[in-house]
Amino acid sequence: MPAGAITLADITSADWSLALGAIGEVVQGIADVEQCLGIIVTTPQGSDPLRPTFGADIWRYIDFPINLALPAIVSELTSAITTWEPRVNLVSVTAQPVNDGSAQSGAHLGVTLNWQLRLGVTAAPVQTTTVTIPGATV
C-alpha cells in the first residue's frame, strides 16, 4: 500500500469516492458531491460505454452564437445534473466564456453551480461549485 494511502477505517462518510488525480486518496461528503458534479459537467454524453446517457452533451453547442449557446448549455447541464446527481437540488446554473488572457479570447467555458444537499426536512446551506472546461469555446 502506498505511504499515506487511506484505509477503510479512515472513511467516515457514507458518501465517498476515489479522489481524481490523487492516488490512494478519497473524497468524502460535500467534496464527493462536488467531484461528482464536476465529472457530470465535463463528461460528454456517449463517452461512458456502460452508461451511454451519462454526462452532459454541451459540446454540440461549441459553434453556436454565444447568445444561443449559453442558455442551451445551462439547460443541458440542468438536465444532466438532475438526472445523474440525486443528492442535490439545483438552485441555479450559469455558464460564461472565461478569458484566460491568451490570444484566443473565450478559450474556456466557466460553469457555476449553486446547489443544496437533499437532507429531507432540514434546509441545507447553498453550496457553490465552479468548473472550468478548457477548450470549450462558445
Protein backbone atom coordinates (compact mmCIF):
# COMPACT_ATOMS: atom_id res chain seq x y z
CA MET A 1 0.00 0.00 0.00
CA PRO A 2 1.43 3.45 -0.88
CA ALA A 3 2.63 5.57 2.03
CA GLY A 4 -0.13 7.83 3.28
CA ALA A 5 -2.84 5.84 1.47
CA ILE A 6 -6.23 5.97 3.11
CA THR A 7 -7.70 2.82 4.65
CA LEU A 8 -11.31 1.77 5.04
CA ALA A 9 -11.15 2.82 8.69
CA ASP A 10 -10.34 6.39 7.57
CA ILE A 11 -13.58 6.71 5.58
CA THR A 12 -16.18 8.31 7.84
CA SER A 13 -18.86 9.33 5.35
CA ALA A 14 -21.49 7.26 3.58
CA ASP A 15 -20.80 9.42 0.50
CA TRP A 16 -17.26 8.90 -0.75
CA SER A 17 -15.32 8.03 -3.90
CA LEU A 18 -11.74 7.81 -5.05
CA ALA A 19 -10.17 11.25 -5.50
CA LEU A 20 -9.41 12.18 -9.08
CA GLY A 21 -5.72 12.74 -9.71
CA ALA A 22 -4.64 11.63 -6.25
CA ILE A 23 -3.53 8.02 -5.90
CA GLY A 24 -4.58 6.44 -2.61
CA GLU A 25 -6.88 9.29 -1.55
CA VAL A 26 -10.65 9.64 -1.33
CA VAL A 27 -13.12 12.49 -1.22
CA GLN A 28 -15.95 12.39 1.28
CA GLY A 29 -19.18 14.25 1.98
CA ILE A 30 -19.51 17.62 0.24
CA ALA A 31 -16.17 17.12 -1.55
CA ASP A 32 -17.53 13.88 -3.05
CA VAL A 33 -20.66 15.65 -4.30
CA GLU A 34 -18.55 18.46 -5.81
CA GLN A 35 -16.29 15.95 -7.55
CA CYS A 36 -19.32 14.10 -8.95
CA LEU A 37 -20.83 17.36 -10.23
CA GLY A 38 -17.54 18.16 -11.98
CA ILE A 39 -17.49 14.72 -13.58
CA ILE A 40 -21.06 15.14 -14.86
CA VAL A 41 -20.30 18.60 -16.30
CA THR A 42 -17.10 17.52 -18.06
CA THR A 43 -18.16 14.10 -19.38
CA PRO A 44 -19.53 14.13 -22.94
CA GLN A 45 -22.64 12.01 -23.34
CA GLY A 46 -21.82 8.72 -25.02
CA SER A 47 -18.24 8.56 -23.75
CA ASP A 48 -19.01 6.08 -20.95
CA PRO A 49 -19.84 2.79 -22.71
CA LEU A 50 -21.60 1.34 -19.66
CA ARG A 51 -23.74 4.47 -19.18
CA PRO A 52 -24.19 5.97 -22.66
CA THR A 53 -26.57 8.71 -21.44
CA PHE A 54 -24.29 9.79 -18.57
CA GLY A 55 -22.83 13.29 -18.73
CA ALA A 56 -23.79 16.49 -20.47
CA ASP A 57 -23.79 16.97 -24.21
CA ILE A 58 -22.60 20.59 -24.10
CA TRP A 59 -20.06 20.04 -26.88
CA ARG A 60 -22.72 20.26 -29.58
CA TYR A 61 -23.09 24.00 -28.83
CA ILE A 62 -19.45 24.81 -29.49
CA ASP A 63 -20.11 26.68 -32.75
CA PHE A 64 -23.41 28.30 -31.78
CA PRO A 65 -23.63 32.07 -31.36
CA ILE A 66 -22.97 32.92 -27.71
CA ASN A 67 -26.50 34.22 -27.09
CA LEU A 68 -27.90 30.82 -28.16
CA ALA A 69 -25.14 28.59 -26.77
CA LEU A 70 -25.16 29.73 -23.13
CA PRO A 71 -28.89 29.12 -22.44
CA ALA A 72 -28.68 25.76 -24.24
CA ILE A 73 -25.65 24.76 -22.16
CA VAL A 74 -27.42 25.77 -18.94
CA SER A 75 -30.44 23.68 -19.96
CA GLU A 76 -28.24 20.70 -20.86
CA LEU A 77 -26.34 20.89 -17.56
CA THR A 78 -29.53 21.26 -15.54
CA SER A 79 -30.98 18.16 -17.16
CA ALA A 80 -27.79 16.12 -16.71
CA ILE A 81 -27.30 17.06 -13.06
CA THR A 82 -30.92 16.45 -12.07
CA THR A 83 -30.72 13.05 -13.80
CA TRP A 84 -27.34 11.89 -12.51
CA GLU A 85 -26.87 13.51 -9.09
CA PRO A 86 -29.91 12.74 -6.92
CA ARG A 87 -28.20 14.03 -3.75
CA VAL A 88 -28.61 17.69 -4.78
CA ASN A 89 -31.29 20.26 -5.52
CA LEU A 90 -30.04 22.72 -8.10
CA VAL A 91 -30.60 26.35 -7.16
CA SER A 92 -29.02 27.85 -10.29
CA VAL A 93 -26.67 27.07 -13.17
CA THR A 94 -24.71 29.73 -15.04
CA ALA A 95 -22.25 29.42 -17.89
CA GLN A 96 -19.99 32.08 -19.37
CA PRO A 97 -16.87 32.33 -21.50
CA VAL A 98 -13.67 32.66 -19.48
CA ASN A 99 -10.97 34.90 -20.88
CA ASP A 100 -7.71 33.46 -19.60
CA GLY A 101 -5.52 36.15 -21.14
CA SER A 102 -4.42 34.02 -24.07
CA ALA A 103 -4.57 35.14 -27.68
CA GLN A 104 -7.78 33.14 -28.15
CA SER A 105 -10.46 35.07 -26.27
CA GLY A 106 -13.07 32.93 -24.56
CA ALA A 107 -10.93 29.81 -24.79
CA HIS A 108 -12.69 28.22 -21.84
CA LEU A 109 -16.19 27.80 -20.53
CA GLY A 110 -16.84 28.64 -16.89
CA VAL A 111 -19.77 26.91 -15.20
CA THR A 112 -21.08 27.87 -11.77
CA LEU A 113 -23.46 25.53 -9.99
CA ASN A 114 -25.38 26.63 -6.90
CA TRP A 115 -26.92 23.67 -5.14
CA GLN A 116 -28.17 22.28 -1.85
CA LEU A 117 -27.88 18.80 -0.43
CA ARG A 118 -31.18 16.97 -0.18
CA LEU A 119 -31.39 16.37 3.54
CA GLY A 120 -35.08 15.76 3.94
CA VAL A 121 -36.89 18.21 6.19
CA THR A 122 -33.97 20.49 7.09
CA ALA A 123 -32.76 23.16 4.69
CA ALA A 124 -29.11 22.72 3.76
CA PRO A 125 -26.90 25.71 3.03
CA VAL A 126 -26.38 26.62 -0.62
CA GLN A 127 -23.05 25.34 -1.95
CA THR A 128 -21.24 26.72 -5.00
CA THR A 129 -19.19 24.59 -7.35
CA THR A 130 -17.25 26.19 -10.20
CA VAL A 131 -15.96 24.13 -13.11
CA THR A 132 -13.78 25.46 -15.93
CA ILE A 133 -13.90 23.45 -19.13
CA PRO A 134 -10.70 24.07 -21.12
CA GLY A 135 -11.01 24.28 -24.88
CA ALA A 136 -14.79 24.62 -24.81
CA THR A 137 -15.01 27.77 -26.88
CA VAL A 138 -18.51 29.15 -27.24
